[in-house]
C-alpha cells in the first residue's frame, strides 16, 4: 500500500470517529422515532421504516391503478 492509500484510510477513520459532529437530530417520518441522521436528507430511522414507507407508497399506487381500471371498465360498459 502506498502513502496515498494510508492517507485515504486515515481520513475515513477520522470522519467515522468524528461523524457525530456532522449528524443532525431528526424524527422518522414513518414511525415518529427520534434518530441521529448522518445524511442531511435522511427521513427514516431504519431499513425497516424504509421498507414500510415503500410498501405504503406501492399500496397507494396500486389502489389508484385499480380505481382507474374500474372507472375505465364502467365507462366501457355504459357505451
Protein backbone atom coordinates (compact mmCIF):
# COMPACT_ATOMS: atom_id res chain seq x y z
CA UNK A 1 0.00 0.00 0.00
CA UNK A 2 1.19 3.47 -0.81
CA UNK A 3 1.19 6.53 1.41
CA UNK A 4 -1.78 7.81 -0.58
CA UNK A 5 -3.78 4.70 0.38
CA UNK A 6 -2.91 5.14 4.05
CA UNK A 7 -3.90 8.82 3.88
CA UNK A 8 -7.30 7.87 2.48
CA UNK A 9 -7.79 5.27 5.21
CA UNK A 10 -6.79 7.78 7.90
CA UNK A 11 -9.25 10.33 6.50
CA UNK A 12 -12.07 7.76 6.56
CA UNK A 13 -11.24 6.78 10.13
CA UNK A 14 -11.14 10.43 11.21
CA UNK A 15 -14.53 11.10 9.60
CA UNK A 16 -16.06 7.99 11.16
CA UNK A 17 -14.72 8.91 14.58
CA UNK A 18 -15.99 12.50 14.25
CA UNK A 19 -19.22 11.87 12.39
CA UNK A 20 -21.27 12.96 15.39
CA UNK A 21 -20.06 16.47 14.52
CA UNK A 22 -21.90 16.22 11.21
CA UNK A 23 -25.06 14.50 12.38
CA UNK A 24 -28.41 16.11 13.00
CA UNK A 25 -31.32 15.11 15.18
CA UNK A 26 -34.42 14.23 13.19
CA UNK A 27 -37.72 12.42 13.59
CA UNK A 28 -38.61 9.42 11.42
CA UNK A 29 -41.46 10.22 9.01
CA UNK A 30 -42.77 6.65 9.28
CA UNK A 31 -42.73 5.73 12.96
CA UNK A 32 -42.05 9.08 14.64
CA UNK A 33 -38.95 7.87 16.48
CA UNK A 34 -36.22 10.47 17.03
CA UNK A 35 -32.89 9.46 15.47
CA UNK A 36 -29.46 10.88 14.71
CA UNK A 37 -29.06 11.31 10.95
CA UNK A 38 -25.66 11.27 9.35
CA UNK A 39 -27.02 12.45 5.99
CA UNK A 40 -28.82 15.77 5.79
CA UNK A 41 -31.57 14.30 3.57
CA UNK A 42 -32.35 11.30 5.80
CA UNK A 43 -36.05 10.92 6.60
CA UNK A 44 -36.33 7.42 8.08
CA UNK A 45 -34.63 5.87 11.09
CA UNK A 46 -34.02 2.34 9.82
CA UNK A 47 -34.23 -0.09 6.92
CA UNK A 48 -37.46 -1.39 8.41
CA UNK A 49 -39.07 2.04 8.10
CA UNK A 50 -37.68 2.43 4.58
CA UNK A 51 -39.48 -0.80 3.62
CA UNK A 52 -42.71 0.26 5.34
CA UNK A 53 -42.64 3.57 3.51
CA UNK A 54 -42.07 1.88 0.15
CA UNK A 55 -44.85 -0.66 0.72
CA UNK A 56 -47.27 2.08 1.72
CA UNK A 57 -46.47 4.04 -1.47
CA UNK A 58 -46.82 0.87 -3.53
CA UNK A 59 -50.18 0.05 -1.95
CA UNK A 60 -51.46 3.58 -2.66
CA UNK A 61 -50.29 3.40 -6.28
CA UNK A 62 -51.95 0.01 -6.80
CA UNK A 63 -55.19 1.31 -5.30
CA UNK A 64 -55.18 4.28 -7.72
CA UNK A 65 -54.49 2.00 -10.66
CA UNK A 66 -57.33 -0.32 -9.63
CA UNK A 67 -59.73 2.61 -9.28
CA UNK A 68 -58.75 3.88 -12.73
CA UNK A 69 -59.26 0.43 -14.22
CA UNK A 70 -62.71 0.13 -12.61
CA UNK A 71 -63.69 3.56 -13.92
CA UNK A 72 -62.49 2.64 -17.41
CA UNK A 73 -64.48 -0.60 -17.28
CA UNK A 74 -67.60 1.24 -16.11
CA UNK A 75 -67.25 3.75 -18.94
CA UNK A 76 -66.78 0.97 -21.49
CA UNK A 77 -69.91 -0.90 -20.34
CA UNK A 78 -72.08 2.25 -20.41
CA UNK A 79 -71.40 2.96 -24.10
